[in-house]
Amino acid sequence: MARKISGGKYRKARKRKLAEIPGKPRVVKLGKEKKKHLRIRGGKMKVVLLSTDKANVFDPKTKKAKLAKIQTVLEIPANRFLENVLIKGTIIQTEIGKAKIINRPGQEGCVQAILVE
């Protein structure tokens, strides 16, 4: 703890509020769908995803979205050491084809993807 030029101690004006405390990192695993509800600032509720096996896949050719089952995780460009984790940018294999996750599933409560091939 630093001291003032006069020798007195600097003291905190206040402690952190609950909304200012950083949350725990949530990794979304591939598996049976599991969600959790968290209270956020303003008394609102946020739905966070803990695990899932479904994704809303958008096909750019037909301009249609379809709910598809995720079969495997092919590649995670953000971190090559992660396995079966769904984060933004992950390439997944669905029943429709290869898709890239374009949202943050741990923050939004669902997986949005766009067809790659």
PDB file of N, CA and C in Angstrom:
ATOM      1  N   MET A   1       0.846  -1.174   0.000  1.00  0.00           N
ATOM      2  CA  MET A   1       0.000   0.000   0.000  1.00  0.00           C
ATOM      3  C   MET A   1       0.899   1.247   0.000  1.00  0.00           C
ATOM      4  N   ALA A   2       0.561   2.121  -0.912  1.00  0.00           N
ATOM      5  CA  ALA A   2       1.357   3.345  -1.038  1.00  0.00           C
ATOM      6  C   ALA A   2       0.959   4.362   0.029  1.00  0.00           C
ATOM      7  N   ARG A   3       1.862   5.300   0.246  1.00  0.00           N
ATOM      8  CA  ARG A   3       1.599   6.358   1.230  1.00  0.00           C
ATOM      9  C   ARG A   3       1.618   7.721   0.556  1.00  0.00           C
ATOM     10  N   LYS A   4       0.914   8.653   1.200  1.00  0.00           N
ATOM     11  CA  LYS A   4       0.901  10.032   0.723  1.00  0.00           C
ATOM     12  C   LYS A   4       2.241  10.681   1.053  1.00  0.00           C
ATOM     13  N   ILE A   5       2.480  11.856   0.489  1.00  0.00           N
ATOM     14  CA  ILE A   5       3.726  12.565   0.750  1.00  0.00           C
ATOM     15  C   ILE A   5       3.836  12.968   2.218  1.00  0.00           C
ATOM     16  N   SER A   6       2.662  13.110   2.876  1.00  0.00           N
ATOM     17  CA  SER A   6       2.646  13.474   4.296  1.00  0.00           C
ATOM     18  C   SER A   6       2.873  12.267   5.209  1.00  0.00           C
ATOM     19  N   GLY A   7       2.849  11.050   4.630  1.00  0.00           N
ATOM     20  CA  GLY A   7       3.050   9.841   5.425  1.00  0.00           C
ATOM     21  C   GLY A   7       1.770   9.093   5.712  1.00  0.00           C
ATOM     22  N   GLY A   8       0.608   9.702   5.417  1.00  0.00           N
ATOM     23  CA  GLY A   8      -0.673   9.026   5.630  1.00  0.00           C
ATOM     24  C   GLY A   8      -0.918   7.947   4.577  1.00  0.00           C
ATOM     25  N   LYS A   9      -1.814   7.008   4.907  1.00  0.00           N
ATOM     26  CA  LYS A   9      -2.118   5.912   3.988  1.00  0.00           C
ATOM     27  C   LYS A   9      -3.262   6.293   3.041  1.00  0.00           C
ATOM     28  N   TYR A  10      -3.181   5.788   1.822  1.00  0.00           N
ATOM     29  CA  TYR A  10      -4.301   5.918   0.890  1.00  0.00           C
ATOM     30  C   TYR A  10      -5.334   4.858   1.257  1.00  0.00           C
ATOM     31  N   ARG A  11      -6.604   5.225   1.327  1.00  0.00           N
ATOM     32  CA  ARG A  11      -7.666   4.278   1.645  1.00  0.00           C
ATOM     33  C   ARG A  11      -8.672   4.260   0.511  1.00  0.00           C
ATOM     34  N   LYS A  12      -9.269   3.084   0.296  1.00  0.00           N
ATOM     35  CA  LYS A  12     -10.281   2.942  -0.747  1.00  0.00           C
ATOM     36  C   LYS A  12     -11.521   3.743  -0.394  1.00  0.00           C
ATOM     37  N   ALA A  13     -12.136   4.333  -1.405  1.00  0.00           N
ATOM     38  CA  ALA A  13     -13.367   5.085  -1.188  1.00  0.00           C
ATOM     39  C   ALA A  13     -14.524   4.128  -0.892  1.00  0.00           C
ATOM     40  N   ARG A  14     -14.540   2.992  -1.569  1.00  0.00           N
ATOM     41  CA  ARG A  14     -15.586   1.986  -1.360  1.00  0.00           C
ATOM     42  C   ARG A  14     -15.118   0.640  -1.898  1.00  0.00           C
ATOM     43  N   LYS A  15     -15.858  -0.419  -1.538  1.00  0.00           N
ATOM     44  CA  LYS A  15     -15.579  -1.742  -2.076  1.00  0.00           C
ATOM     45  C   LYS A  15     -16.278  -1.906  -3.415  1.00  0.00           C
ATOM     46  N   ARG A  16     -15.987  -2.996  -4.081  1.00  0.00           N
ATOM     47  CA  ARG A  16     -16.634  -3.265  -5.363  1.00  0.00           C
ATOM     48  C   ARG A  16     -18.090  -3.648  -5.185  1.00  0.00           C
ATOM     49  N   LYS A  17     -18.935  -3.234  -6.150  1.00  0.00           N
ATOM     50  CA  LYS A  17     -20.325  -3.649  -6.147  1.00  0.00           C
ATOM     51  C   LYS A  17     -20.411  -5.034  -6.786  1.00  0.00           C
ATOM     52  N   LEU A  18     -21.509  -5.731  -6.538  1.00  0.00           N
ATOM     53  CA  LEU A  18     -21.690  -7.082  -7.062  1.00  0.00           C
ATOM     54  C   LEU A  18     -21.607  -7.104  -8.586  1.00  0.00           C
ATOM     55  N   ALA A  19     -22.129  -6.069  -9.238  1.00  0.00           N
ATOM     56  CA  ALA A  19     -22.108  -6.004 -10.699  1.00  0.00           C
ATOM     57  C   ALA A  19     -20.709  -5.759 -11.246  1.00  0.00           C
ATOM     58  N   GLU A  20     -19.806  -5.248 -10.424  1.00  0.00           N
ATOM     59  CA  GLU A  20     -18.442  -4.941 -10.868  1.00  0.00           C
ATOM     60  C   GLU A  20     -17.483  -6.111 -10.674  1.00  0.00           C
ATOM     61  N   ILE A  21     -17.913  -7.115  -9.923  1.00  0.00           N
ATOM     62  CA  ILE A  21     -17.072  -8.286  -9.687  1.00  0.00           C
ATOM     63  C   ILE A  21     -17.074  -9.141 -10.951  1.00  0.00           C
ATOM     64  N   PRO A  22     -15.914  -9.527 -11.483  1.00  0.00           N
ATOM     65  CA  PRO A  22     -15.903 -10.339 -12.695  1.00  0.00           C
ATOM     66  C   PRO A  22     -16.500 -11.717 -12.454  1.00  0.00           C
ATOM     67  N   GLY A  23     -17.233 -12.217 -13.434  1.00  0.00           N
ATOM     68  CA  GLY A  23     -17.872 -13.517 -13.309  1.00  0.00           C
ATOM     69  C   GLY A  23     -16.906 -14.645 -13.611  1.00  0.00           C
ATOM     70  N   LYS A  24     -17.349 -15.860 -13.340  1.00  0.00           N
ATOM     71  CA  LYS A  24     -16.526 -17.027 -13.635  1.00  0.00           C
ATOM     72  C   LYS A  24     -16.570 -17.318 -15.129  1.00  0.00           C
ATOM     73  N   PRO A  25     -15.455 -17.745 -15.714  1.00  0.00           N
ATOM     74  CA  PRO A  25     -15.492 -18.088 -17.135  1.00  0.00           C
ATOM     75  C   PRO A  25     -16.318 -19.351 -17.351  1.00  0.00           C
ATOM     76  N   ARG A  26     -17.266 -19.276 -18.285  1.00  0.00           N
ATOM     77  CA  ARG A  26     -18.117 -20.429 -18.564  1.00  0.00           C
ATOM     78  C   ARG A  26     -17.731 -20.997 -19.917  1.00  0.00           C
ATOM     79  N   VAL A  27     -17.362 -22.261 -19.944  1.00  0.00           N
ATOM     80  CA  VAL A  27     -17.060 -22.919 -21.212  1.00  0.00           C
ATOM     81  C   VAL A  27     -18.253 -23.786 -21.585  1.00  0.00           C
ATOM     82  N   VAL A  28     -18.696 -23.656 -22.829  1.00  0.00           N
ATOM     83  CA  VAL A  28     -19.845 -24.422 -23.308  1.00  0.00           C
ATOM     84  C   VAL A  28     -19.323 -25.719 -23.897  1.00  0.00           C
ATOM     85  N   LYS A  29     -19.716 -26.823 -23.304  1.00  0.00           N
ATOM     86  CA  LYS A  29     -19.267 -28.148 -23.753  1.00  0.00           C
ATOM     87  C   LYS A  29     -20.245 -28.721 -24.757  1.00  0.00           C
ATOM     88  N   LEU A  30     -19.791 -29.686 -25.513  1.00  0.00           N
ATOM     89  CA  LEU A  30     -20.647 -30.419 -26.442  1.00  0.00           C
ATOM     90  C   LEU A  30     -21.282 -31.569 -25.671  1.00  0.00           C
ATOM     91  N   GLY A  31     -22.609 -31.587 -25.614  1.00  0.00           N
ATOM     92  CA  GLY A  31     -23.329 -32.616 -24.866  1.00  0.00           C
ATOM     93  C   GLY A  31     -24.798 -32.268 -24.764  1.00  0.00           C
ATOM     94  N   LYS A  32     -25.505 -32.942 -23.851  1.00  0.00           N
ATOM     95  CA  LYS A  32     -26.932 -32.695 -23.658  1.00  0.00           C
ATOM     96  C   LYS A  32     -27.154 -31.247 -23.217  1.00  0.00           C
ATOM     97  N   GLU A  33     -28.235 -30.619 -23.731  1.00  0.00           N
ATOM     98  CA  GLU A  33     -28.462 -29.197 -23.470  1.00  0.00           C
ATOM     99  C   GLU A  33     -28.679 -28.910 -21.988  1.00  0.00           C
ATOM    100  N   LYS A  34     -27.927 -27.912 -21.477  1.00  0.00           N
ATOM    101  CA  LYS A  34     -27.994 -27.510 -20.087  1.00  0.00           C
ATOM    102  C   LYS A  34     -27.821 -25.996 -20.034  1.00  0.00           C
ATOM    103  N   LYS A  35     -28.787 -25.295 -19.394  1.00  0.00           N
ATOM    104  CA  LYS A  35     -28.741 -23.844 -19.294  1.00  0.00           C
ATOM    105  C   LYS A  35     -28.780 -23.421 -17.835  1.00  0.00           C
ATOM    106  N   LYS A  36     -28.404 -22.156 -17.601  1.00  0.00           N
ATOM    107  CA  LYS A  36     -28.405 -21.615 -16.245  1.00  0.00           C
ATOM    108  C   LYS A  36     -28.886 -20.165 -16.332  1.00  0.00           C
ATOM    109  N   HIS A  37     -29.648 -19.726 -15.335  1.00  0.00           N
ATOM    110  CA  HIS A  37     -30.142 -18.348 -15.284  1.00  0.00           C
ATOM    111  C   HIS A  37     -29.336 -17.567 -14.251  1.00  0.00           C
ATOM    112  N   LEU A  38     -28.811 -16.415 -14.659  1.00  0.00           N
ATOM    113  CA  LEU A  38     -28.036 -15.561 -13.767  1.00  0.00           C
ATOM    114  C   LEU A  38     -28.712 -14.206 -13.625  1.00  0.00           C
ATOM    115  N   ARG A  39     -28.663 -13.632 -12.430  1.00  0.00           N
ATOM    116  CA  ARG A  39     -29.183 -12.283 -12.236  1.00  0.00           C
ATOM    117  C   ARG A  39     -28.090 -11.313 -12.638  1.00  0.00           C
ATOM    118  N   ILE A  40     -28.466 -10.341 -13.471  1.00  0.00           N
ATOM    119  CA  ILE A  40     -27.510  -9.340 -13.906  1.00  0.00           C
ATOM    120  C   ILE A  40     -27.939  -7.971 -13.398  1.00  0.00           C
ATOM    121  N   ARG A  41     -27.188  -6.955 -13.746  1.00  0.00           N
ATOM    122  CA  ARG A  41     -27.458  -5.600 -13.262  1.00  0.00           C
ATOM    123  C   ARG A  41     -28.827  -5.120 -13.710  1.00  0.00           C
ATOM    124  N   GLY A  42     -29.534  -4.477 -12.819  1.00  0.00           N
ATOM    125  CA  GLY A  42     -30.869  -3.984 -13.120  1.00  0.00           C
ATOM    126  C   GLY A  42     -31.944  -4.997 -12.794  1.00  0.00           C
ATOM    127  N   GLY A  43     -31.577  -6.118 -12.148  1.00  0.00           N
ATOM    128  CA  GLY A  43     -32.552  -7.133 -11.764  1.00  0.00           C
ATOM    129  C   GLY A  43     -32.982  -8.041 -12.897  1.00  0.00           C
ATOM    130  N   LYS A  44     -32.385  -7.880 -14.069  1.00  0.00           N
ATOM    131  CA  LYS A  44     -32.749  -8.711 -15.216  1.00  0.00           C
ATOM    132  C   LYS A  44     -32.075 -10.074 -15.116  1.00  0.00           C
ATOM    133  N   MET A  45     -32.548 -11.015 -15.926  1.00  0.00           N
ATOM    134  CA  MET A  45     -31.984 -12.361 -15.929  1.00  0.00           C
ATOM    135  C   MET A  45     -31.280 -12.627 -17.258  1.00  0.00           C
ATOM    136  N   LYS A  46     -30.146 -13.303 -17.185  1.00  0.00           N
ATOM    137  CA  LYS A  46     -29.389 -13.699 -18.372  1.00  0.00           C
ATOM    138  C   LYS A  46     -29.375 -15.221 -18.429  1.00  0.00           C
ATOM    139  N   VAL A  47     -29.675 -15.781 -19.598  1.00  0.00           N
ATOM    140  CA  VAL A  47     -29.620 -17.229 -19.784  1.00  0.00           C
ATOM    141  C   VAL A  47     -28.252 -17.559 -20.356  1.00  0.00           C
ATOM    142  N   VAL A  48     -27.497 -18.375 -19.637  1.00  0.00           N
ATOM    143  CA  VAL A  48     -26.180 -18.790 -20.122  1.00  0.00           C
ATOM    144  C   VAL A  48     -26.210 -20.272 -20.421  1.00  0.00           C
ATOM    145  N   LEU A  49     -25.452 -20.648 -21.411  1.00  0.00           N
ATOM    146  CA  LEU A  49     -25.410 -22.031 -21.874  1.00  0.00           C
ATOM    147  C   LEU A  49     -24.219 -22.731 -21.242  1.00  0.00           C
ATOM    148  N   LEU A  50     -24.430 -23.936 -20.734  1.00  0.00           N
ATOM    149  CA  LEU A  50     -23.343 -24.715 -20.150  1.00  0.00           C
ATOM    150  C   LEU A  50     -22.938 -25.867 -21.069  1.00  0.00           C
ATOM    151  N   SER A  51     -23.927 -26.473 -21.748  1.00  0.00           N
ATOM    152  CA  SER A  51     -23.638 -27.509 -22.742  1.00  0.00           C
ATOM    153  C   SER A  51     -24.815 -27.602 -23.705  1.00  0.00           C
ATOM    154  N   THR A  52     -24.531 -28.018 -24.939  1.00  0.00           N
ATOM    155  CA  THR A  52     -25.581 -28.146 -25.950  1.00  0.00           C
ATOM    156  C   THR A  52     -25.137 -29.093 -27.054  1.00  0.00           C
ATOM    157  N   ASP A  53     -26.121 -29.568 -27.820  1.00  0.00           N
ATOM    158  CA  ASP A  53     -25.822 -30.401 -28.992  1.00  0.00           C
ATOM    159  C   ASP A  53     -26.601 -29.921 -30.217  1.00  0.00           C
ATOM    160  N   LYS A  54     -27.144 -28.686 -30.135  1.00  0.00           N
ATOM    161  CA  LYS A  54     -27.918 -28.116 -31.242  1.00  0.00           C
ATOM    162  C   LYS A  54     -27.371 -26.744 -31.602  1.00  0.00           C
ATOM    163  N   ALA A  55     -27.552 -26.356 -32.880  1.00  0.00           N
ATOM    164  CA  ALA A  55     -27.123 -25.033 -33.339  1.00  0.00           C
ATOM    165  C   ALA A  55     -28.095 -24.515 -34.382  1.00  0.00           C
ATOM    166  N   ASN A  56     -28.328 -23.198 -34.387  1.00  0.00           N
ATOM    167  CA  ASN A  56     -29.097 -22.555 -35.442  1.00  0.00           C
ATOM    168  C   ASN A  56     -28.120 -22.256 -36.571  1.00  0.00           C
ATOM    169  N   VAL A  57     -28.231 -23.005 -37.673  1.00  0.00           N
ATOM    170  CA  VAL A  57     -27.281 -22.879 -38.775  1.00  0.00           C
ATOM    171  C   VAL A  57     -27.929 -22.097 -39.914  1.00  0.00           C
ATOM    172  N   PHE A  58     -27.262 -21.016 -40.351  1.00  0.00           N
ATOM    173  CA  PHE A  58     -27.743 -20.176 -41.443  1.00  0.00           C
ATOM    174  C   PHE A  58     -27.036 -20.574 -42.730  1.00  0.00           C
ATOM    175  N   ASP A  59     -27.826 -20.811 -43.798  1.00  0.00           N
ATOM    176  CA  ASP A  59     -27.279 -21.143 -45.110  1.00  0.00           C
ATOM    177  C   ASP A  59     -27.278 -19.877 -45.965  1.00  0.00           C
ATOM    178  N   PRO A  60     -26.093 -19.326 -46.323  1.00  0.00           N
ATOM    179  CA  PRO A  60     -26.052 -18.076 -47.081  1.00  0.00           C
ATOM    180  C   PRO A  60     -26.601 -18.191 -48.503  1.00  0.00           C
ATOM    181  N   LYS A  61     -26.602 -19.392 -49.078  1.00  0.00           N
ATOM    182  CA  LYS A  61     -27.110 -19.571 -50.448  1.00  0.00           C
ATOM    183  C   LYS A  61     -28.631 -19.458 -50.496  1.00  0.00           C
ATOM    184  N   THR A  62     -29.304 -20.180 -49.600  1.00  0.00           N
ATOM    185  CA  THR A  62     -30.773 -20.178 -49.590  1.00  0.00           C
ATOM    186  C   THR A  62     -31.351 -19.081 -48.701  1.00  0.00           C
ATOM    187  N   LYS A  63     -30.496 -18.414 -47.899  1.00  0.00           N
ATOM    188  CA  LYS A  63     -30.917 -17.365 -46.955  1.00  0.00           C
ATOM    189  C   LYS A  63     -31.918 -17.891 -45.920  1.00  0.00           C
ATOM    190  N   LYS A  64     -31.760 -19.151 -45.522  1.00  0.00           N
ATOM    191  CA  LYS A  64     -32.644 -19.777 -44.531  1.00  0.00           C
ATOM    192  C   LYS A  64     -31.804 -20.302 -43.373  1.00  0.00           C
ATOM    193  N   ALA A  65     -32.408 -20.325 -42.178  1.00  0.00           N
ATOM    194  CA  ALA A  65     -31.761 -20.888 -41.000  1.00  0.00           C
ATOM    195  C   ALA A  65     -32.478 -22.170 -40.597  1.00  0.00           C
ATOM    196  N   LYS A  66     -31.716 -23.128 -40.080  1.00  0.00           N
ATOM    197  CA  LYS A  66     -32.282 -24.416 -39.687  1.00  0.00           C
ATOM    198  C   LYS A  66     -31.625 -24.881 -38.393  1.00  0.00           C
ATOM    199  N   LEU A  67     -32.414 -25.485 -37.525  1.00  0.00           N
ATOM    200  CA  LEU A  67     -31.879 -26.050 -36.286  1.00  0.00           C
ATOM    201  C   LEU A  67     -31.235 -27.391 -36.619  1.00  0.00           C
ATOM    202  N   ALA A  68     -29.948 -27.520 -36.353  1.00  0.00           N
ATOM    203  CA  ALA A  68     -29.211 -28.737 -36.716  1.00  0.00           C
ATOM    204  C   ALA A  68     -28.500 -29.308 -35.496  1.00  0.00           C
ATOM    205  N   LYS A  69     -28.304 -30.612 -35.510  1.00  0.00           N
ATOM    206  CA  LYS A  69     -27.604 -31.300 -34.426  1.00  0.00           C
ATOM    207  C   LYS A  69     -26.097 -31.215 -34.676  1.00  0.00           C
ATOM    208  N   ILE A  70     -25.345 -30.871 -33.633  1.00  0.00           N
ATOM    209  CA  ILE A  70     -23.884 -30.810 -33.732  1.00  0.00           C
ATOM    210  C   ILE A  70     -23.331 -32.212 -33.540  1.00  0.00           C
ATOM    211  N   GLN A  71     -22.528 -32.655 -34.493  1.00  0.00           N
ATOM    212  CA  GLN A  71     -21.948 -33.997 -34.401  1.00  0.00           C
ATOM    213  C   GLN A  71     -20.585 -33.969 -33.708  1.00  0.00           C
ATOM    214  N   THR A  72     -19.675 -33.117 -34.198  1.00  0.00           N
ATOM    215  CA  THR A  72     -18.345 -33.017 -33.592  1.00  0.00           C
ATOM    216  C   THR A  72     -17.815 -31.598 -33.695  1.00  0.00           C
ATOM    217  N   VAL A  73     -16.777 -31.330 -32.908  1.00  0.00           N
ATOM    218  CA  VAL A  73     -16.046 -30.073 -33.012  1.00  0.00           C
ATOM    219  C   VAL A  73     -14.796 -30.371 -33.825  1.00  0.00           C
ATOM    220  N   LEU A  74     -14.641 -29.683 -34.962  1.00  0.00           N
ATOM    221  CA  LEU A  74     -13.513 -29.954 -35.850  1.00  0.00           C
ATOM    222  C   LEU A  74     -12.270 -29.146 -35.477  1.00  0.00           C
ATOM    223  N   GLU A  75     -12.452 -27.830 -35.257  1.00  0.00           N
ATOM    224  CA  GLU A  75     -11.296 -26.969 -35.025  1.00  0.00           C
ATOM    225  C   GLU A  75     -11.703 -25.777 -34.172  1.00  0.00           C
ATOM    226  N   ILE A  76     -10.793 -25.375 -33.262  1.00  0.00           N
ATOM    227  CA  ILE A  76     -10.997 -24.176 -32.456  1.00  0.00           C
ATOM    228  C   ILE A  76      -9.807 -23.252 -32.725  1.00  0.00           C
ATOM    229  N   PRO A  77      -9.961 -22.295 -33.657  1.00  0.00           N
ATOM    230  CA  PRO A  77      -8.831 -21.427 -34.013  1.00  0.00           C
ATOM    231  C   PRO A  77      -8.321 -20.560 -32.859  1.00  0.00           C
ATOM    232  N   ALA A  78      -9.194 -20.192 -31.913  1.00  0.00           N
ATOM    233  CA  ALA A  78      -8.788 -19.324 -30.807  1.00  0.00           C
ATOM    234  C   ALA A  78      -7.794 -20.008 -29.869  1.00  0.00           C
ATOM    235  N   ASN A  79      -7.947 -21.333 -29.676  1.00  0.00           N
ATOM    236  CA  ASN A  79      -7.068 -22.070 -28.769  1.00  0.00           C
ATOM    237  C   ASN A  79      -7.025 -23.524 -29.212  1.00  0.00           C
ATOM    238  N   ARG A  80      -5.905 -23.960 -29.735  1.00  0.00           N
ATOM    239  CA  ARG A  80      -5.827 -25.327 -30.279  1.00  0.00           C
ATOM    240  C   ARG A  80      -5.759 -26.407 -29.211  1.00  0.00           C
ATOM    241  N   PHE A  81      -5.623 -26.022 -27.949  1.00  0.00           N
ATOM    242  CA  PHE A  81      -5.549 -27.011 -26.874  1.00  0.00           C
ATOM    243  C   PHE A  81      -6.913 -27.366 -26.303  1.00  0.00           C
ATOM    244  N   LEU A  82      -7.955 -26.609 -26.642  1.00  0.00           N
ATOM    245  CA  LEU A  82      -9.303 -26.915 -26.172  1.00  0.00           C
ATOM    246  C   LEU A  82      -9.903 -28.061 -26.975  1.00  0.00           C
ATOM    247  N   GLU A  83     -10.724 -28.871 -26.318  1.00  0.00           N
ATOM    248  CA  GLU A  83     -11.394 -29.991 -26.990  1.00  0.00           C
ATOM    249  C   GLU A  83     -12.872 -29.983 -26.633  1.00  0.00           C
ATOM    250  N   ASN A  84     -13.733 -30.155 -27.636  1.00  0.00           N
ATOM    251  CA  ASN A  84     -15.194 -30.221 -27.475  1.00  0.00           C
ATOM    252  C   ASN A  84     -15.755 -29.029 -26.705  1.00  0.00           C
ATOM    253  N   VAL A  85     -15.216 -27.846 -26.971  1.00  0.00           N
ATOM    254  CA  VAL A  85     -15.690 -26.611 -26.361  1.00  0.00           C
ATOM    255  C   VAL A  85     -16.242 -25.720 -27.461  1.00  0.00           C
ATOM    256  N   LEU A  86     -17.407 -25.111 -27.226  1.00  0.00           N
ATOM    257  CA  LEU A  86     -18.049 -24.267 -28.223  1.00  0.00           C
ATOM    258  C   LEU A  86     -17.840 -22.798 -27.859  1.00  0.00           C
ATOM    259  N   ILE A  87     -16.981 -22.121 -28.621  1.00  0.00           N
ATOM    260  CA  ILE A  87     -16.747 -20.689 -28.444  1.00  0.00           C
ATOM    261  C   ILE A  87     -16.842 -20.027 -29.817  1.00  0.00           C
ATOM    262  N   LYS A  88     -16.780 -18.701 -29.837  1.00  0.00           N
ATOM    263  CA  LYS A  88     -16.892 -17.968 -31.093  1.00  0.00           C
ATOM    264  C   LYS A  88     -15.723 -18.328 -32.020  1.00  0.00           C
ATOM    265  N   GLY A  89     -16.039 -18.611 -33.282  1.00  0.00           N
ATOM    266  CA  GLY A  89     -15.027 -18.942 -34.273  1.00  0.00           C
ATOM    267  C   GLY A  89     -14.784 -20.428 -34.446  1.00  0.00           C
ATOM    268  N   THR A  90     -15.376 -21.256 -33.595  1.00  0.00           N
ATOM    269  CA  THR A  90     -15.182 -22.707 -33.668  1.00  0.00           C
ATOM    270  C   THR A  90     -15.835 -23.271 -34.921  1.00  0.00           C
ATOM    271  N   ILE A  91     -15.123 -24.186 -35.594  1.00  0.00           N
ATOM    272  CA  ILE A  91     -15.667 -24.888 -36.755  1.00  0.00           C
ATOM    273  C   ILE A  91     -16.277 -26.195 -36.247  1.00  0.00           C
ATOM    274  N   ILE A  92     -17.585 -26.382 -36.532  1.00  0.00           N
ATOM    275  CA  ILE A  92     -18.292 -27.581 -36.061  1.00  0.00           C
ATOM    276  C   ILE A  92     -18.828 -28.370 -37.252  1.00  0.00           C
ATOM    277  N   GLN A  93     -19.006 -29.662 -37.051  1.00  0.00           N
ATOM    278  CA  GLN A  93     -19.616 -30.529 -38.058  1.00  0.00           C
ATOM    279  C   GLN A  93     -21.056 -30.769 -37.630  1.00  0.00           C
ATOM    280  N   THR A  94     -22.007 -30.362 -38.474  1.00  0.00           N
ATOM    281  CA  THR A  94     -23.421 -30.575 -38.192  1.00  0.00           C
ATOM    282  C   THR A  94     -23.978 -31.564 -39.204  1.00  0.00           C
ATOM    283  N   GLU A  95     -25.248 -31.919 -39.019  1.00  0.00           N
ATOM    284  CA  GLU A  95     -25.873 -32.848 -39.968  1.00  0.00           C
ATOM    285  C   GLU A  95     -26.073 -32.198 -41.336  1.00  0.00           C
ATOM    286  N   ILE A  96     -26.043 -30.858 -41.400  1.00  0.00           N
ATOM    287  CA  ILE A  96     -26.163 -30.142 -42.678  1.00  0.00           C
ATOM    288  C   ILE A  96     -24.809 -30.030 -43.364  1.00  0.00           C
ATOM    289  N   GLY A  97     -23.754 -29.851 -42.576  1.00  0.00           N
ATOM    290  CA  GLY A  97     -22.396 -29.686 -43.101  1.00  0.00           C
ATOM    291  C   GLY A  97     -21.538 -28.933 -42.115  1.00  0.00           C
ATOM    292  N   LYS A  98     -20.368 -28.449 -42.594  1.00  0.00           N
ATOM    293  CA  LYS A  98     -19.465 -27.684 -41.736  1.00  0.00           C
ATOM    294  C   LYS A  98     -20.031 -26.307 -41.499  1.00  0.00           C
ATOM    295  N   ALA A  99     -19.896 -25.825 -40.250  1.00  0.00           N
ATOM    296  CA  ALA A  99     -20.401 -24.498 -39.904  1.00  0.00           C
ATOM    297  C   ALA A  99     -19.444 -23.829 -38.936  1.00  0.00           C
ATOM    298  N   LYS A 100     -19.484 -22.485 -38.943  1.00  0.00           N
ATOM    299  CA  LYS A 100     -18.637 -21.691 -38.053  1.00  0.00           C
ATOM    300  C   LYS A 100     -19.529 -20.947 -37.067  1.00  0.00           C
ATOM    301  N   ILE A 101     -19.204 -21.039 -35.769  1.00  0.00           N
ATOM    302  CA  ILE A 101     -19.990 -20.364 -34.739  1.00  0.00           C
ATOM    303  C   ILE A 101     -19.691 -18.866 -34.807  1.00  0.00           C
ATOM    304  N   ILE A 102     -20.764 -18.056 -34.891  1.00  0.00           N
ATOM    305  CA  ILE A 102     -20.596 -16.613 -35.059  1.00  0.00           C
ATOM    306  C   ILE A 102     -21.029 -15.811 -33.835  1.00  0.00           C
ATOM    307  N   ASN A 103     -21.475 -16.459 -32.766  1.00  0.00           N
ATOM    308  CA  ASN A 103     -21.861 -15.738 -31.551  1.00  0.00           C
ATOM    309  C   ASN A 103     -21.076 -16.274 -30.361  1.00  0.00           C
ATOM    310  N   ARG A 104     -21.361 -15.728 -29.177  1.00  0.00           N
ATOM    311  CA  ARG A 104     -20.704 -16.190 -27.950  1.00  0.00           C
ATOM    312  C   ARG A 104     -21.729 -16.991 -27.146  1.00  0.00           C
ATOM    313  N   PRO A 105     -21.727 -18.321 -27.278  1.00  0.00           N
ATOM    314  CA  PRO A 105     -22.755 -19.146 -26.630  1.00  0.00           C
ATOM    315  C   PRO A 105     -22.790 -19.032 -25.108  1.00  0.00           C
ATOM    316  N   GLY A 106     -21.661 -18.810 -24.473  1.00  0.00           N
ATOM    317  CA  GLY A 106     -21.619 -18.679 -23.022  1.00  0.00           C
ATOM    318  C   GLY A 106     -22.319 -17.426 -22.523  1.00  0.00           C
ATOM    319  N   GLN A 107     -22.514 -16.430 -23.394  1.00  0.00           N
ATOM    320  CA  GLN A 107     -23.159 -15.178 -23.018  1.00  0.00           C
ATOM    321  C   GLN A 107     -24.619 -15.126 -23.452  1.00  0.00           C
ATOM    322  N   GLU A 108     -24.988 -15.860 -24.509  1.00  0.00           N
ATOM    323  CA  GLU A 108     -26.301 -15.686 -25.121  1.00  0.00           C
ATOM    324  C   GLU A 108     -27.298 -16.820 -24.888  1.00  0.00           C
ATOM    325  N   GLY A 109     -26.835 -18.005 -24.551  1.00  0.00           N
ATOM    326  CA  GLY A 109     -27.757 -19.094 -24.273  1.00  0.00           C
ATOM    327  C   GLY A 109     -28.155 -19.920 -25.484  1.00  0.00           C
ATOM    328  N   CYS A 110     -27.521 -19.683 -26.648  1.00  0.00           N
ATOM    329  CA  CYS A 110     -27.789 -20.481 -27.842  1.00  0.00           C
ATOM    330  C   CYS A 110     -26.558 -20.441 -28.741  1.00  0.00           C
ATOM    331  N   VAL A 111     -26.526 -21.324 -29.725  1.00  0.00           N
ATOM    332  CA  VAL A 111     -25.403 -21.367 -30.663  1.00  0.00           C
ATOM    333  C   VAL A 111     -25.914 -20.937 -32.036  1.00  0.00           C
ATOM    334  N   GLN A 112     -25.332 -19.865 -32.571  1.00  0.00           N
ATOM    335  CA  GLN A 112     -25.660 -19.383 -33.917  1.00  0.00           C
ATOM    336  C   GLN A 112     -24.448 -19.688 -34.798  1.00  0.00           C
ATOM    337  N   ALA A 113     -24.681 -20.300 -35.953  1.00  0.00           N
ATOM    338  CA  ALA A 113     -23.578 -20.667 -36.843  1.00  0.00           C
ATOM    339  C   ALA A 113     -23.934 -20.340 -38.275  1.00  0.00           C
ATOM    340  N   ILE A 114     -22.917 -20.241 -39.126  1.00  0.00           N
ATOM    341  CA  ILE A 114     -23.114 -19.993 -40.541  1.00  0.00           C
ATOM    342  C   ILE A 114     -22.423 -21.108 -41.319  1.00  0.00           C
ATOM    343  N   LEU A 115     -23.087 -21.609 -42.343  1.00  0.00           N
ATOM    344  CA  LEU A 115     -22.578 -22.732 -43.121  1.00  0.00           C
ATOM    345  C   LEU A 115     -21.316 -22.318 -43.869  1.00  0.00           C
ATOM    346  N   VAL A 116     -20.265 -23.154 -43.786  1.00  0.00           N
ATOM    347  CA  VAL A 116     -19.000 -22.853 -44.443  1.00  0.00           C
ATOM    348  C   VAL A 116     -18.951 -23.480 -45.831  1.00  0.00           C
ATOM    349  N   GLU A 117     -19.425 -24.708 -45.939  1.00  0.00           N
ATOM    350  CA  GLU A 117     -19.386 -25.377 -47.247  1.00  0.00           C
ATOM    351  C   GLU A 117     -20.756 -25.840 -47.688  1.00  0.00           C
TER     352      GLU A 117
END
